[in-house]
Each structure stands twice: as structure tokens, then as C-alpha cells.
Amino acid sequence: MASSSLSFYSSVFGFIVGGISLLGFVISLCRPHLPTNKIKTLETLLHETENTFNGAVEDGLLMHDFIQMAEHRLAVLKEETYSLRSRAYNATTLSQDYAEFLSGTSTAIGRTCQSLKKLRAAVITSSEERRGRLTQIDPVPQAPSPVPPSPEAERPPSTEILRPRSCPPALPAYGTRNVLATNPFGDPSRSDSDVRSADVTI
């Protein structure tokens, strides 16, 4: 009788320990999917989608009809994000967080994340298609090839000294010659007789 009672209590204790272990495993498995954790992913995704859409609009890569559709869809998803964020951050305790998880808040956050991913993919696809069409219509101009320098530009500068027109012509270098008699720019202190008596060497 005593052994059967001990066996019964041992079985109950084993079931309790197993249940606690299983509960701990489920809790650790669900913790990343709690609303307070998933809402951060949703906020980041909303911010990236808005930046992608606004950048494509500024670059003129989206058609008018697509812009209206995307703006309406983005406004709806933004309202859903604000509502889910309020529900997630109002859960200030772990039990409240799990209560929101069981009520379907995490599932709603996951659906909104998927909708934002689809909208972001549509914006990127449409903008890239538009960019490709614009590139085919107006290709990027090629840089002009450099013009080879002309032969005159490569010729070295002349070292010849230019004489003013008012100066007398240069005398040929036939030898040493006293040209004071014929040079009007000679020394005025010398007399005509000195000039005539000067030796001329040719």
C-alpha cells in the first residue's frame, strides 16, 4: 500500500515537473513574438517604407496614379501601426504582454508588416522600371574625347629679339669697324676730325 502511494506521488510529481518545463519552453519560444518586441520591427519597417516612397516621388520616378494609390495605402497602414503601437506599449507587465499576445495583437502586427513589405516592394519595382525607361530615352552623355594639340601649339617659342621699327638696321658682322662716322647715335663728344682719322678694320 505504501509503495503504491509512493509510486502515485512520484508520477504526479513527474507530471508537474514536465508541465513546468514545457511551460517554460513555450514561454521562451513565444517571447520574441510578444507585441512589445514585434512592434519595434513594425515601426522600423514603416519608417523605411515612407523614406523609400518619398525619395521616389522627389526623383520623379512614380506615375501620378501610383502615387495616389500608395499614399492612400500608406496612410491606412500608418493608422494601423499607431493603433497597434498603443496596444503593445500599454502592456507594462509580462502577464499583460502575454495577454495581448493571446488576444491576437502579435498576429495583427505581423499582417501589417507584410502589407508594408508588399507596398515597399511595389514602390521599388515601379521606380526602377521608370528609371530604366528614362535611361533608354535619354542616355547619359559620353565625355568628349580630348582634342590633340595643333603643330603650332607644340612649336617652341621663338628666341628672336624683335627690334622696334624706329631703330636703324643691324650692321653685318664683316669685321670690327668704327661706324661712328655713319652712326647718328655715336658719341657726340668726338669731333668730326677724330671720326675721320679713326682706323677702320675690315
Protein backbone atom coordinates (compact mmCIF):
# COMPACT_ATOMS: atom_id res chain seq x y z
CA MET A 1 0.00 0.00 0.00
CA ALA A 2 2.77 2.36 0.90
CA SER A 3 4.71 1.55 -2.27
CA SER A 4 1.67 2.19 -4.48
CA SER A 5 1.08 5.54 -2.81
CA LEU A 6 4.73 6.49 -3.31
CA SER A 7 4.53 5.49 -6.96
CA PHE A 8 1.41 7.63 -7.42
CA TYR A 9 3.01 10.71 -5.89
CA SER A 10 6.12 10.17 -7.93
CA SER A 11 4.06 10.08 -11.10
CA VAL A 12 2.22 13.26 -10.11
CA PHE A 13 5.49 14.99 -9.32
CA GLY A 14 6.88 13.90 -12.68
CA PHE A 15 3.86 15.30 -14.49
CA ILE A 16 4.20 18.60 -12.62
CA VAL A 17 7.87 18.90 -13.43
CA GLY A 18 7.22 18.06 -17.06
CA GLY A 19 4.41 20.58 -17.28
CA ILE A 20 6.59 23.32 -15.79
CA SER A 21 9.39 22.51 -18.21
CA LEU A 22 7.01 22.54 -21.14
CA LEU A 23 5.51 25.85 -20.00
CA GLY A 24 8.99 27.38 -19.71
CA PHE A 25 9.83 26.20 -23.21
CA VAL A 26 6.62 27.69 -24.62
CA ILE A 27 7.27 30.99 -22.83
CA SER A 28 10.83 31.24 -24.15
CA LEU A 29 9.61 30.33 -27.63
CA CYS A 30 6.87 32.98 -27.65
CA ARG A 31 8.92 35.78 -26.08
CA PRO A 32 10.35 37.12 -29.42
CA HIS A 33 6.79 37.23 -30.78
CA LEU A 34 5.33 39.29 -27.95
CA PRO A 35 3.71 42.58 -29.03
CA THR A 36 6.29 44.74 -27.23
CA ASN A 37 9.04 43.12 -29.30
CA LYS A 38 7.29 42.89 -32.67
CA ILE A 39 6.06 46.49 -32.61
CA LYS A 40 9.67 47.70 -32.92
CA THR A 41 10.04 45.80 -36.19
CA LEU A 42 6.80 47.33 -37.44
CA GLU A 43 7.91 50.88 -36.60
CA THR A 44 11.24 50.41 -38.38
CA LEU A 45 9.52 48.97 -41.44
CA LEU A 46 7.06 51.87 -41.59
CA HIS A 47 9.89 54.41 -41.42
CA GLU A 48 11.85 52.68 -44.22
CA THR A 49 8.77 52.44 -46.43
CA GLU A 50 7.99 56.15 -46.00
CA ASN A 51 11.58 57.13 -46.84
CA THR A 52 11.61 54.91 -49.93
CA PHE A 53 8.31 56.32 -51.18
CA ASN A 54 9.23 59.97 -50.55
CA GLY A 55 12.61 59.54 -52.26
CA ALA A 56 11.00 58.03 -55.36
CA VAL A 57 8.44 60.87 -55.51
CA GLU A 58 11.16 63.53 -55.22
CA ASP A 59 13.13 61.91 -58.05
CA GLY A 60 10.04 61.83 -60.28
CA LEU A 61 10.12 58.05 -60.71
CA LEU A 62 6.46 57.31 -59.92
CA MET A 63 3.34 57.88 -62.00
CA HIS A 64 0.51 60.06 -60.69
CA ASP A 65 -1.97 57.19 -60.32
CA PHE A 66 0.54 55.04 -58.47
CA ILE A 67 1.38 57.93 -56.12
CA GLN A 68 -2.27 58.38 -55.17
CA MET A 69 -2.71 54.65 -54.55
CA ALA A 70 0.48 54.39 -52.50
CA GLU A 71 -0.33 57.47 -50.42
CA HIS A 72 -3.77 56.09 -49.54
CA ARG A 73 -2.37 52.68 -48.69
CA LEU A 74 0.46 54.16 -46.64
CA ALA A 75 -1.96 56.32 -44.67
CA VAL A 76 -4.11 53.27 -43.80
CA LEU A 77 -1.08 51.24 -42.71
CA LYS A 78 0.20 54.16 -40.65
CA GLU A 79 -3.09 54.34 -38.75
CA GLU A 80 -2.97 50.60 -38.13
CA THR A 81 0.59 50.92 -36.85
CA TYR A 82 -0.34 53.69 -34.41
CA SER A 83 -3.26 51.65 -33.08
CA LEU A 84 -1.15 48.51 -32.62
CA ARG A 85 1.64 50.51 -31.00
CA SER A 86 -0.80 51.85 -28.42
CA ARG A 87 -2.00 48.34 -27.60
CA ALA A 88 1.54 46.97 -27.38
CA TYR A 89 3.01 49.69 -25.19
CA ASN A 90 0.04 49.66 -22.82
CA ALA A 91 1.12 46.17 -21.76
CA THR A 92 3.53 47.20 -19.00
CA THR A 93 3.89 43.77 -17.34
CA LEU A 94 4.86 40.37 -18.67
CA SER A 95 1.41 38.96 -17.97
CA GLN A 96 -0.26 41.82 -19.87
CA ASP A 97 2.17 41.30 -22.72
CA TYR A 98 1.23 37.63 -22.95
CA ALA A 99 -2.44 38.58 -22.69
CA GLU A 100 -2.07 40.84 -25.72
CA PHE A 101 -0.22 38.05 -27.48
CA LEU A 102 -3.08 35.63 -26.84
CA SER A 103 -5.64 38.23 -27.92
CA GLY A 104 -4.10 38.41 -31.39
CA THR A 105 -2.09 41.66 -31.22
CA SER A 106 1.10 39.98 -32.43
CA THR A 107 -0.77 38.40 -35.33
CA ALA A 108 -2.18 41.81 -36.35
CA ILE A 109 1.31 43.32 -36.17
CA GLY A 110 2.60 40.54 -38.45
CA ARG A 111 -0.14 41.23 -41.04
CA THR A 112 0.65 44.94 -41.05
CA CYS A 113 4.35 44.16 -41.51
CA GLN A 114 3.56 42.01 -44.53
CA SER A 115 1.41 44.76 -46.05
CA LEU A 116 4.21 47.30 -45.60
CA LYS A 117 6.74 44.95 -47.19
CA LYS A 118 4.47 44.49 -50.22
CA LEU A 119 3.97 48.25 -50.57
CA ARG A 120 7.70 48.91 -50.30
CA ALA A 121 8.42 46.26 -52.92
CA ALA A 122 5.83 47.81 -55.26
CA VAL A 123 7.38 51.26 -54.85
CA ILE A 124 10.90 49.97 -55.55
CA THR A 125 9.77 47.94 -58.58
CA SER A 126 7.80 50.81 -60.13
CA SER A 127 10.59 53.35 -59.55
CA GLU A 128 13.27 51.10 -61.03
CA GLU A 129 11.15 50.39 -64.13
CA ARG A 130 10.60 54.13 -64.59
CA ARG A 131 14.33 54.79 -64.14
CA GLY A 132 15.16 52.18 -66.79
CA ARG A 133 12.75 53.75 -69.32
CA LEU A 134 14.16 57.21 -68.70
CA THR A 135 17.69 55.91 -69.17
CA GLN A 136 16.77 54.39 -72.56
CA ILE A 137 15.08 57.60 -73.74
CA ASP A 138 17.79 59.96 -72.51
CA PRO A 139 21.08 58.07 -72.18
CA VAL A 140 23.89 59.51 -70.16
CA PRO A 141 26.07 61.67 -72.45
CA GLN A 142 29.59 60.45 -73.03
CA ALA A 143 32.50 62.65 -72.14
CA PRO A 144 34.08 64.31 -75.24
CA SER A 145 37.38 62.88 -76.39
CA PRO A 146 40.39 65.15 -75.88
CA VAL A 147 41.42 67.23 -78.94
CA PRO A 148 45.05 66.62 -79.99
CA PRO A 149 47.21 69.74 -79.83
CA SER A 150 48.00 71.51 -83.11
CA PRO A 151 51.57 71.56 -84.50
CA GLU A 152 51.76 75.29 -83.88
CA ALA A 153 50.97 74.74 -80.22
CA GLU A 154 53.79 72.19 -79.96
CA ARG A 155 56.34 74.53 -81.67
CA PRO A 156 58.72 76.04 -79.09
CA PRO A 157 58.59 79.81 -78.68
CA SER A 158 60.98 81.82 -80.87
CA THR A 159 64.06 83.31 -79.20
CA GLU A 160 64.50 86.02 -81.85
CA ILE A 161 64.58 89.51 -80.37
CA LEU A 162 62.20 91.85 -82.18
CA ARG A 163 63.66 95.28 -82.92
CA PRO A 164 61.49 98.39 -82.95
CA ARG A 165 60.88 99.91 -86.37
CA SER A 166 62.43 103.19 -85.25
CA CYS A 167 65.87 101.58 -84.67
CA PRO A 168 68.42 101.50 -87.57
CA PRO A 169 69.09 98.14 -89.17
CA ALA A 170 71.75 95.93 -87.66
CA LEU A 171 75.15 96.01 -89.41
CA PRO A 172 76.52 92.82 -90.90
CA ALA A 173 79.30 91.23 -88.93
CA TYR A 174 82.09 91.52 -91.57
CA GLY A 175 84.66 92.62 -89.05
CA THR A 176 85.47 95.23 -86.50
CA ARG A 177 84.62 98.65 -87.81
CA ASN A 178 84.38 102.09 -86.40
CA VAL A 179 80.99 103.30 -87.52
CA LEU A 180 80.81 106.44 -85.50
CA ALA A 181 81.07 108.45 -88.68
CA THR A 182 77.93 106.90 -90.07
CA ASN A 183 76.10 106.17 -86.85
CA PRO A 184 73.90 109.06 -85.80
CA PHE A 185 73.76 107.58 -82.32
CA GLY A 186 77.53 107.82 -81.78
CA ASP A 187 79.33 109.70 -79.08
CA PRO A 188 78.66 113.43 -79.65
CA SER A 189 81.83 114.40 -77.66
CA ARG A 190 84.12 113.26 -80.51
CA SER A 191 84.81 115.71 -83.29
CA ASP A 192 84.46 115.07 -87.00
CA SER A 193 88.24 115.04 -87.45
CA ASP A 194 88.57 112.34 -84.82
CA VAL A 195 85.95 110.36 -86.59
CA ARG A 196 87.64 110.70 -89.97
CA SER A 197 91.01 109.80 -88.54
CA ALA A 198 89.70 106.65 -86.93
CA ASP A 199 91.04 103.42 -88.35
CA VAL A 200 88.59 101.15 -89.97
CA THR A 201 89.32 97.47 -89.86
CA ILE A 202 87.55 95.29 -92.37
